[in-house]
């Protein structure tokens, strides 16, 4: 009747560490056979977004846990296998492995009238177990359910090549000698296009809308480290936007110079794409930008400008849908499609249910999930308190209103956007309040 943590990736391990430090009784359920979350390469019979060329886009100094930094022997931007090994070593160092049930999938989480939670899970042998807990911490991530264009382009049903999502993409070597069209301009799209360009006979990148592409470093500093410099954080948002857009113009010129559409919005008013490689691969002729897909004709991809080319495969890098199939519908995603959580953590009408890592910062997420985890541990122990549900809903409404004003919408992934500095200060004030209460 203690705490159930769902997931043993970066967020779940942070939650488990904080709960252990507070002396809480908990168990962590992880459906994969080992720790590491999205940084593990999927094994036989598994699916996951961990393609072979996946690397960190944030500096290791800010991505490692506070109490257990990433070793200096790792590069500034470690590859997926290094991150997975680091997360496993953290779990060993923190003494968490004995409290994690690997190969255990959570099937349902339901709240009883006495406010306890019944968690039904299935282990690797297929045996189901039902357990009751006072608290449930969801740290299972939100990169599991791929989204594809709806409706699909005309002719998709009869396309002579292969159509797949980034979730099913593993290695560019699998497409050696093929002609491939990658769809999208987010993190997965630019990584996969750059990877394919070293193996495929031809790599085209189909882009419907321009996004801001930011190199991993500006002025010799990792951009996430630079964003925390006092001289930068002292600027207003409009000053930060002007500074970064000038720096990008100097560093890489205009995106239209590469054949990509210019963004129709200022930076920091949508997620940015971090990439050192894509623009270089375009300059070297290894990746060819194309507009959006209009329709498919046999093995030919026809684009919105009337141009076309033959393709053996289309890789849709069109993101993921947040999905928590083990929870009741409407939690944490409300009727409008926005995530509705107090301080991005607490479900206001479901006492004892918390979410860790369901935020999207511009920068490393680790310190955010550590702060969230420490706060949840205080809530579990009773040294922190929540306001009434009505006050929590009021905070959620104010947050989503501000998100909509800045980003133009407060639906889907946009509804979990946070700025690292302000959010850490927000979490800090909650922790300070808990410390005073203790």
Protein backbone atom coordinates (compact mmCIF):
# COMPACT_ATOMS: atom_id res chain seq x y z
CA UNK A 1 0.00 0.00 0.00
CA UNK A 2 2.97 2.32 -0.65
CA UNK A 3 3.85 3.80 -4.03
CA UNK A 4 3.84 2.32 -7.53
CA UNK A 5 6.24 3.96 -10.02
CA UNK A 6 5.52 3.16 -13.65
CA UNK A 7 8.60 3.26 -15.87
CA UNK A 8 12.36 2.89 -15.32
CA UNK A 9 13.68 5.42 -17.78
CA UNK A 10 15.31 8.70 -16.84
CA UNK A 11 12.16 10.06 -15.17
CA UNK A 12 11.15 6.86 -13.41
CA UNK A 13 14.63 6.36 -11.95
CA UNK A 14 14.64 9.96 -10.70
CA UNK A 15 11.29 9.32 -8.99
CA UNK A 16 12.51 6.06 -7.47
CA UNK A 17 15.69 7.71 -6.18
CA UNK A 18 13.74 10.54 -4.52
CA UNK A 19 11.27 8.14 -2.92
CA UNK A 20 14.08 5.92 -1.65
CA UNK A 21 15.87 8.95 -0.19
CA UNK A 22 12.68 9.83 1.70
CA UNK A 23 12.28 6.28 3.00
CA UNK A 24 9.10 5.57 1.07
CA UNK A 25 7.99 2.03 0.36
CA UNK A 26 7.63 1.63 -3.40
CA UNK A 27 7.91 -0.72 -6.35
CA UNK A 28 8.83 0.29 -9.89
CA UNK A 29 7.22 -1.55 -12.82
CA UNK A 30 9.03 -1.50 -16.18
CA UNK A 31 7.78 -3.36 -19.24
CA UNK A 32 11.25 -3.54 -20.87
CA UNK A 33 13.83 -6.10 -19.70
CA UNK A 34 16.20 -3.40 -18.45
CA UNK A 35 16.41 0.25 -17.37
CA UNK A 36 17.02 3.05 -19.84
CA UNK A 37 13.69 4.01 -21.41
CA UNK A 38 13.94 5.42 -24.93
CA UNK A 39 17.75 5.23 -24.81
CA UNK A 40 17.73 1.44 -24.96
CA UNK A 41 17.88 -0.03 -28.45
CA UNK A 42 14.80 -2.25 -28.82
CA UNK A 43 15.55 -5.95 -28.58
CA UNK A 44 13.85 -8.84 -30.37
CA UNK A 45 10.09 -8.44 -30.20
CA UNK A 46 10.32 -4.89 -28.84
CA UNK A 47 9.51 -1.54 -30.40
CA UNK A 48 10.95 1.82 -29.45
CA UNK A 49 12.34 5.07 -30.82
CA UNK A 50 16.00 4.22 -30.14
CA UNK A 51 17.50 4.25 -33.65
CA UNK A 52 21.21 3.52 -34.13
CA UNK A 53 22.32 7.11 -34.75
CA UNK A 54 20.48 8.54 -31.74
CA UNK A 55 22.60 10.89 -29.57
CA UNK A 56 21.88 13.39 -26.84
CA UNK A 57 21.01 16.86 -28.04
CA UNK A 58 21.74 18.31 -24.60
CA UNK A 59 25.11 18.56 -22.90
CA UNK A 60 26.00 15.65 -20.62
CA UNK A 61 26.83 18.13 -17.82
CA UNK A 62 23.16 19.13 -17.67
CA UNK A 63 21.68 15.75 -18.59
CA UNK A 64 23.23 13.67 -15.83
CA UNK A 65 21.65 13.35 -12.39
CA UNK A 66 22.79 15.85 -9.76
CA UNK A 67 24.02 13.18 -7.31
CA UNK A 68 25.53 11.00 -10.03
CA UNK A 69 26.95 13.07 -12.91
CA UNK A 70 27.76 11.56 -16.27
CA UNK A 71 31.44 10.61 -16.33
CA UNK A 72 33.91 13.01 -17.92
CA UNK A 73 35.07 10.18 -20.17
CA UNK A 74 31.86 10.48 -22.16
CA UNK A 75 31.68 12.94 -25.05
CA UNK A 76 29.70 16.15 -24.75
CA UNK A 77 26.76 14.53 -26.55
CA UNK A 78 26.83 10.79 -25.79
CA UNK A 79 25.18 8.22 -28.06
CA UNK A 80 22.15 6.21 -27.00
CA UNK A 81 24.12 3.20 -25.77
CA UNK A 82 26.23 5.42 -23.50
CA UNK A 83 23.10 7.03 -22.03
CA UNK A 84 21.41 3.66 -21.51
CA UNK A 85 24.52 2.31 -19.76
CA UNK A 86 24.70 5.45 -17.62
CA UNK A 87 21.06 5.08 -16.54
CA UNK A 88 21.66 1.44 -15.66
CA UNK A 89 24.73 2.39 -13.62
CA UNK A 90 22.70 5.07 -11.82
CA UNK A 91 20.08 2.48 -10.88
CA UNK A 92 22.85 0.24 -9.52
CA UNK A 93 24.54 3.10 -7.63
CA UNK A 94 21.26 4.26 -6.09
CA UNK A 95 20.33 0.73 -5.01
CA UNK A 96 17.16 0.69 -7.09
CA UNK A 97 17.48 -2.54 -9.06
CA UNK A 98 15.98 -4.74 -6.34
CA UNK A 99 12.90 -2.52 -6.33
CA UNK A 100 12.29 -2.65 -10.10
CA UNK A 101 10.22 -5.42 -11.66
CA UNK A 102 11.47 -5.66 -15.24
CA UNK A 103 9.42 -7.25 -18.00
CA UNK A 104 6.26 -6.11 -16.24
CA UNK A 105 3.63 -4.22 -18.21
CA UNK A 106 0.97 -2.15 -16.47
CA UNK A 107 -2.47 -2.99 -17.84
CA UNK A 108 -4.74 -0.79 -15.74
CA UNK A 109 -4.65 1.79 -12.96
CA UNK A 110 -7.98 2.48 -11.28
CA UNK A 111 -8.91 4.44 -8.17
CA UNK A 112 -11.18 2.85 -5.56
CA UNK A 113 -13.78 4.71 -3.47
CA UNK A 114 -11.33 4.75 -0.54
CA UNK A 115 -8.87 6.71 -2.77
CA UNK A 116 -6.41 3.81 -3.05
CA UNK A 117 -5.21 2.72 -6.47
CA UNK A 118 -5.49 -0.78 -7.94
CA UNK A 119 -2.70 -1.54 -10.39
CA UNK A 120 -3.04 -4.60 -12.60
CA UNK A 121 0.17 -5.72 -14.31
CA UNK A 122 1.39 -8.62 -16.43
CA UNK A 123 4.87 -10.11 -16.12
CA UNK A 124 7.06 -11.66 -18.80
CA UNK A 125 5.45 -15.07 -18.30
CA UNK A 126 1.98 -13.63 -18.92
CA UNK A 127 0.85 -13.89 -15.31
CA UNK A 128 -1.34 -11.01 -14.10
CA UNK A 129 -1.07 -9.43 -10.66
CA UNK A 130 -3.42 -6.97 -8.96
CA UNK A 131 -2.01 -4.74 -6.20
CA UNK A 132 -3.26 -1.76 -4.21
CA UNK A 133 -1.25 1.41 -3.58
CA UNK A 134 -1.86 4.74 -1.91
CA UNK A 135 0.05 6.59 -4.64
CA UNK A 136 0.89 6.02 -8.30
CA UNK A 137 3.68 7.86 -10.11
CA UNK A 138 3.44 7.71 -13.90
CA UNK A 139 6.88 8.10 -15.48
CA UNK A 140 6.36 6.02 -18.60
CA UNK A 141 7.14 8.73 -21.15
CA UNK A 142 5.09 9.78 -24.14
CA UNK A 143 6.94 8.46 -27.20
CA UNK A 144 5.13 5.17 -27.67
CA UNK A 145 2.18 5.74 -30.02
CA UNK A 146 3.22 7.03 -33.45
CA UNK A 147 1.14 9.57 -35.31
CA UNK A 148 0.76 9.42 -39.07
CA UNK A 149 -0.86 11.96 -41.40
CA UNK A 150 -4.66 11.84 -41.34
CA UNK A 151 -5.94 11.49 -43.89
CA UNK A 152 -3.09 9.65 -45.56
CA UNK A 153 -1.95 11.11 -48.89
CA UNK A 154 -4.02 9.90 -51.84
CA UNK A 155 -2.44 6.80 -53.30
CA UNK A 156 -0.91 5.63 -50.02
CA UNK A 157 -2.82 2.32 -50.14
CA UNK A 158 -1.26 1.43 -53.48
CA UNK A 159 2.23 2.84 -52.91
CA UNK A 160 4.70 0.33 -54.33
CA UNK A 161 7.37 1.02 -51.68
CA UNK A 162 7.51 0.76 -47.90
CA UNK A 163 5.82 3.23 -45.55
CA UNK A 164 6.94 3.32 -41.94
CA UNK A 165 7.11 5.58 -38.90
CA UNK A 166 10.32 6.66 -37.14
CA UNK A 167 9.37 4.27 -34.32
CA UNK A 168 10.13 1.38 -36.69
CA UNK A 169 13.33 2.87 -38.11
CA UNK A 170 16.55 1.38 -36.76
CA UNK A 171 19.59 1.83 -39.00
CA UNK A 172 20.36 3.67 -42.23
CA UNK A 173 22.35 0.64 -43.41
CA UNK A 174 19.02 -1.18 -43.80
CA UNK A 175 18.27 1.16 -46.72
CA UNK A 176 21.58 0.91 -48.54
CA UNK A 177 21.13 1.78 -52.21
CA UNK A 178 17.46 2.74 -51.80
CA UNK A 179 15.67 6.01 -52.50
CA UNK A 180 14.06 7.29 -49.32
CA UNK A 181 11.78 10.22 -48.49
CA UNK A 182 11.83 11.39 -44.87
CA UNK A 183 8.81 13.42 -43.77
CA UNK A 184 9.15 16.03 -41.03
CA UNK A 185 11.61 18.52 -39.57
CA UNK A 186 11.69 17.55 -35.90
CA UNK A 187 14.50 15.87 -33.97
CA UNK A 188 13.90 12.39 -35.36
CA UNK A 189 13.49 13.62 -38.93
CA UNK A 190 16.78 15.48 -39.09
CA UNK A 191 18.67 12.64 -37.36
CA UNK A 192 17.22 9.99 -39.63
CA UNK A 193 17.72 12.03 -42.81
CA UNK A 194 21.38 12.62 -41.92
CA UNK A 195 21.83 8.93 -41.08
CA UNK A 196 20.17 7.74 -44.29
CA UNK A 197 22.24 10.10 -46.40
CA UNK A 198 25.32 8.00 -45.64
CA UNK A 199 23.72 4.80 -46.92
CA UNK A 200 20.76 5.46 -49.22
CA UNK A 201 21.15 6.12 -52.94
CA UNK A 202 19.07 9.26 -52.47
CA UNK A 203 17.60 10.98 -49.40
CA UNK A 204 14.84 13.56 -49.73
CA UNK A 205 13.42 15.52 -46.80
CA UNK A 206 9.78 16.53 -47.19
CA UNK A 207 8.97 19.61 -45.11
CA UNK A 208 5.53 21.17 -44.88
CA UNK A 209 6.25 23.95 -42.39
CA UNK A 210 9.48 25.69 -41.45
CA UNK A 211 10.92 25.23 -37.97
CA UNK A 212 13.89 26.90 -36.32
CA UNK A 213 16.98 24.71 -36.66
CA UNK A 214 19.52 25.40 -33.94
CA UNK A 215 23.07 23.98 -33.81
CA UNK A 216 24.14 22.22 -30.64
CA UNK A 217 26.67 24.96 -29.98
CA UNK A 218 26.78 28.72 -30.47
CA UNK A 219 29.83 30.83 -29.73
CA UNK A 220 31.64 27.66 -28.66
CA UNK A 221 29.15 26.80 -25.90
CA UNK A 222 26.44 24.18 -25.78
CA UNK A 223 23.21 26.10 -26.37
CA UNK A 224 21.53 24.67 -23.27
CA UNK A 225 24.48 25.75 -21.14
CA UNK A 226 24.54 29.19 -22.75
CA UNK A 227 20.82 29.58 -22.06
CA UNK A 228 21.58 29.44 -18.33
CA UNK A 229 24.23 32.14 -18.28
CA UNK A 230 23.16 35.05 -16.03
CA UNK A 231 23.56 37.55 -18.86
CA UNK A 232 21.08 35.52 -20.95
CA UNK A 233 18.52 34.79 -18.24
CA UNK A 234 18.50 38.50 -17.30
CA UNK A 235 17.04 39.31 -20.73
CA UNK A 236 13.31 39.54 -21.37
CA UNK A 237 11.80 36.91 -23.68
CA UNK A 238 11.69 39.39 -26.57
CA UNK A 239 15.37 40.22 -26.01
CA UNK A 240 16.27 36.55 -25.91
CA UNK A 241 14.40 35.95 -29.17
CA UNK A 242 16.18 38.83 -30.89
CA UNK A 243 19.60 37.71 -29.61
CA UNK A 244 19.18 34.07 -30.67
CA UNK A 245 17.75 34.88 -34.08
CA UNK A 246 20.72 37.20 -34.79
CA UNK A 247 23.13 34.50 -33.61
CA UNK A 248 21.47 31.92 -35.87
CA UNK A 249 21.63 34.23 -38.85
CA UNK A 250 25.40 34.57 -38.29
CA UNK A 251 25.95 30.87 -37.61
CA UNK A 252 24.03 29.31 -40.47
CA UNK A 253 22.36 32.01 -42.57
CA UNK A 254 18.75 31.79 -43.67
CA UNK A 255 17.06 28.42 -43.91
CA UNK A 256 15.76 29.37 -47.34
CA UNK A 257 19.40 29.35 -48.48
CA UNK A 258 19.27 25.59 -47.96
CA UNK A 259 15.97 25.09 -49.77
CA UNK A 260 13.98 24.82 -46.53
CA UNK A 261 10.93 26.93 -45.73
CA UNK A 262 11.52 29.85 -43.39
CA UNK A 263 9.70 29.57 -40.05
CA UNK A 264 6.49 31.61 -39.94
CA UNK A 265 6.91 32.29 -36.22
CA UNK A 266 9.57 33.64 -33.84
CA UNK A 267 11.91 31.25 -32.11
CA UNK A 268 10.68 29.96 -28.72
CA UNK A 269 7.07 30.09 -29.94
CA UNK A 270 7.28 26.47 -31.08
CA UNK A 271 9.63 23.58 -30.31
CA UNK A 272 13.05 24.08 -31.90
CA UNK A 273 15.00 21.42 -33.81
CA UNK A 274 18.55 20.82 -32.62
CA UNK A 275 20.94 19.60 -35.32
CA UNK A 276 24.56 20.04 -36.27
CA UNK A 277 24.31 17.72 -39.26
CA UNK A 278 21.25 18.39 -41.37
CA UNK A 279 22.26 21.71 -42.93
CA UNK A 280 25.75 20.39 -43.66
CA UNK A 281 24.31 17.30 -45.37
CA UNK A 282 22.07 19.55 -47.48
CA UNK A 283 25.05 21.73 -48.41
CA UNK A 284 26.95 18.61 -49.47
CA UNK A 285 24.08 17.42 -51.64
CA UNK A 286 23.46 14.34 -49.51
CA UNK A 287 19.95 15.44 -48.45
CA UNK A 288 17.53 17.12 -50.85
CA UNK A 289 14.79 19.32 -49.34
CA UNK A 290 11.31 18.89 -50.78
CA UNK A 291 7.93 20.44 -49.94
CA UNK A 292 5.05 18.50 -48.43
CA UNK A 293 3.65 15.38 -50.08
CA UNK A 294 0.58 15.91 -52.25
CA UNK A 295 -0.08 12.33 -53.30
CA UNK A 296 1.55 9.01 -54.16
CA UNK A 297 1.42 7.44 -57.60
CA UNK A 298 2.71 3.89 -57.76
CA UNK A 299 6.29 4.24 -56.62
CA UNK A 300 6.38 7.96 -57.25
CA UNK A 301 6.02 10.63 -54.56
CA UNK A 302 4.39 13.80 -55.88
CA UNK A 303 5.01 16.98 -53.88
CA UNK A 304 2.83 20.06 -53.46
CA UNK A 305 4.92 22.09 -55.94
CA UNK A 306 4.24 19.53 -58.70
CA UNK A 307 7.72 17.98 -58.58
CA UNK A 308 8.07 14.25 -57.97
CA UNK A 309 10.56 11.47 -57.54
CA UNK A 310 10.55 7.72 -57.17
CA UNK A 311 11.01 6.27 -53.71
CA UNK A 312 11.56 2.83 -52.27
CA UNK A 313 10.56 3.94 -48.78
CA UNK A 314 8.86 6.79 -46.92
CA UNK A 315 9.77 7.37 -43.27
CA UNK A 316 7.22 9.48 -41.42
CA UNK A 317 8.87 11.38 -38.57
CA UNK A 318 5.60 12.98 -37.56
CA UNK A 319 5.76 12.61 -33.82
CA UNK A 320 3.90 10.67 -31.19
CA UNK A 321 0.53 10.84 -29.54
CA UNK A 322 0.47 11.04 -25.77
CA UNK A 323 -1.27 7.91 -24.66
CA UNK A 324 -1.78 6.33 -21.25
CA UNK A 325 -3.92 3.27 -22.03
CA UNK A 326 -3.79 1.99 -18.46
CA UNK A 327 -5.58 5.12 -17.16
CA UNK A 328 -9.19 6.19 -17.53
CA UNK A 329 -9.93 8.35 -20.56
CA UNK A 330 -9.64 12.05 -19.82
CA UNK A 331 -6.58 11.78 -17.56
CA UNK A 332 -4.29 13.59 -17.89
CA UNK A 333 -5.49 14.78 -21.30
CA UNK A 334 -8.68 16.81 -21.06
CA UNK A 335 -11.49 17.32 -23.59
CA UNK A 336 -9.57 20.06 -25.42
CA UNK A 337 -6.58 17.79 -26.04
CA UNK A 338 -4.40 19.61 -23.49
CA UNK A 339 -2.57 17.96 -20.61
CA UNK A 340 -4.29 19.17 -17.44
CA UNK A 341 -1.92 18.81 -14.49
CA UNK A 342 -1.29 21.11 -11.55
CA UNK A 343 2.30 22.36 -11.77
CA UNK A 344 2.60 19.84 -14.66
CA UNK A 345 2.63 17.01 -12.10
CA UNK A 346 -0.61 16.49 -10.17
CA UNK A 347 -3.99 15.28 -11.43
CA UNK A 348 -6.27 17.63 -9.44
CA UNK A 349 -9.31 15.38 -9.21
CA UNK A 350 -7.44 12.12 -8.62
CA UNK A 351 -5.69 12.18 -5.24
CA UNK A 352 -2.46 10.21 -5.17
CA UNK A 353 -1.79 10.26 -8.94
CA UNK A 354 1.32 12.06 -10.17
CA UNK A 355 3.19 12.42 -13.46
CA UNK A 356 6.97 12.81 -13.74
CA UNK A 357 8.65 13.98 -16.94
CA UNK A 358 5.48 15.00 -18.77
CA UNK A 359 7.06 18.33 -19.73
CA UNK A 360 8.84 19.56 -22.84
CA UNK A 361 11.64 22.01 -22.04
CA UNK A 362 13.99 23.77 -24.42
CA UNK A 363 17.05 22.11 -22.91
CA UNK A 364 17.86 19.18 -20.65
CA UNK A 365 14.95 17.68 -18.74
CA UNK A 366 16.87 15.93 -15.95
CA UNK A 367 16.90 18.67 -13.31
CA UNK A 368 13.20 19.26 -13.94
CA UNK A 369 12.26 15.63 -13.29
CA UNK A 370 14.54 15.56 -10.24
CA UNK A 371 12.73 18.60 -8.81
CA UNK A 372 9.35 17.08 -9.65
CA UNK A 373 10.39 13.82 -8.00
CA UNK A 374 11.55 15.50 -4.79
CA UNK A 375 8.24 17.36 -4.58
CA UNK A 376 6.23 14.18 -5.16
CA UNK A 377 8.27 12.41 -2.46
CA UNK A 378 7.31 15.24 -0.08
CA UNK A 379 3.65 14.90 -1.06
CA UNK A 380 3.82 11.15 -0.43
CA UNK A 381 5.42 11.64 2.99
CA UNK A 382 2.97 14.38 3.93
CA UNK A 383 5.61 17.08 4.37
CA UNK A 384 4.11 18.95 1.41
CA UNK A 385 0.46 19.74 0.85
CA UNK A 386 -1.67 20.41 -2.18
CA UNK A 387 -4.19 23.25 -2.42
CA UNK A 388 -7.88 22.46 -2.94
CA UNK A 389 -8.82 20.96 -6.31
CA UNK A 390 -10.50 24.20 -7.40
CA UNK A 391 -7.27 26.15 -6.84
CA UNK A 392 -5.30 23.53 -8.79
CA UNK A 393 -7.73 23.77 -11.71
CA UNK A 394 -7.38 27.56 -11.63
CA UNK A 395 -3.59 27.26 -11.92
CA UNK A 396 -3.96 24.83 -14.83
CA UNK A 397 -6.28 27.22 -16.67
CA UNK A 398 -3.88 30.13 -16.19
CA UNK A 399 -0.95 28.05 -17.43
CA UNK A 400 -2.77 26.79 -20.53
CA UNK A 401 -4.02 30.31 -21.30
CA UNK A 402 -0.42 31.57 -21.26
CA UNK A 403 0.68 28.65 -23.43
CA UNK A 404 -2.01 29.42 -26.01
CA UNK A 405 -1.02 33.10 -26.07
CA UNK A 406 2.62 32.21 -26.73
CA UNK A 407 2.33 29.18 -29.01
CA UNK A 408 -1.02 29.74 -30.66
CA UNK A 409 -2.54 26.60 -29.15
CA UNK A 410 -2.56 24.65 -25.91
CA UNK A 411 -3.23 21.21 -27.34
CA UNK A 412 -1.14 18.04 -27.44
CA UNK A 413 2.58 18.43 -26.99
CA UNK A 414 2.34 22.21 -26.90
CA UNK A 415 0.46 21.97 -23.60
CA UNK A 416 3.53 20.56 -21.84
CA UNK A 417 6.02 23.25 -22.91
CA UNK A 418 8.02 24.78 -20.06
CA UNK A 419 10.97 27.15 -19.78
CA UNK A 420 13.75 25.55 -17.75
CA UNK A 421 14.70 28.48 -15.48
CA UNK A 422 11.20 29.64 -14.52
CA UNK A 423 9.98 26.08 -14.03
CA UNK A 424 12.91 25.19 -11.77
CA UNK A 425 12.18 28.30 -9.70
CA UNK A 426 8.53 27.25 -9.49
CA UNK A 427 9.51 23.78 -8.27
CA UNK A 428 12.03 25.33 -5.89
CA UNK A 429 9.36 27.43 -4.22
CA UNK A 430 7.19 24.33 -3.72
CA UNK A 431 10.13 22.46 -2.20
CA UNK A 432 10.98 25.41 0.03
CA UNK A 433 7.41 25.43 1.28
CA UNK A 434 7.64 21.73 2.02
CA UNK A 435 10.92 22.21 3.89
CA UNK A 436 9.40 24.93 6.07
CA UNK A 437 6.41 22.71 6.81
CA UNK A 438 8.73 19.83 7.74
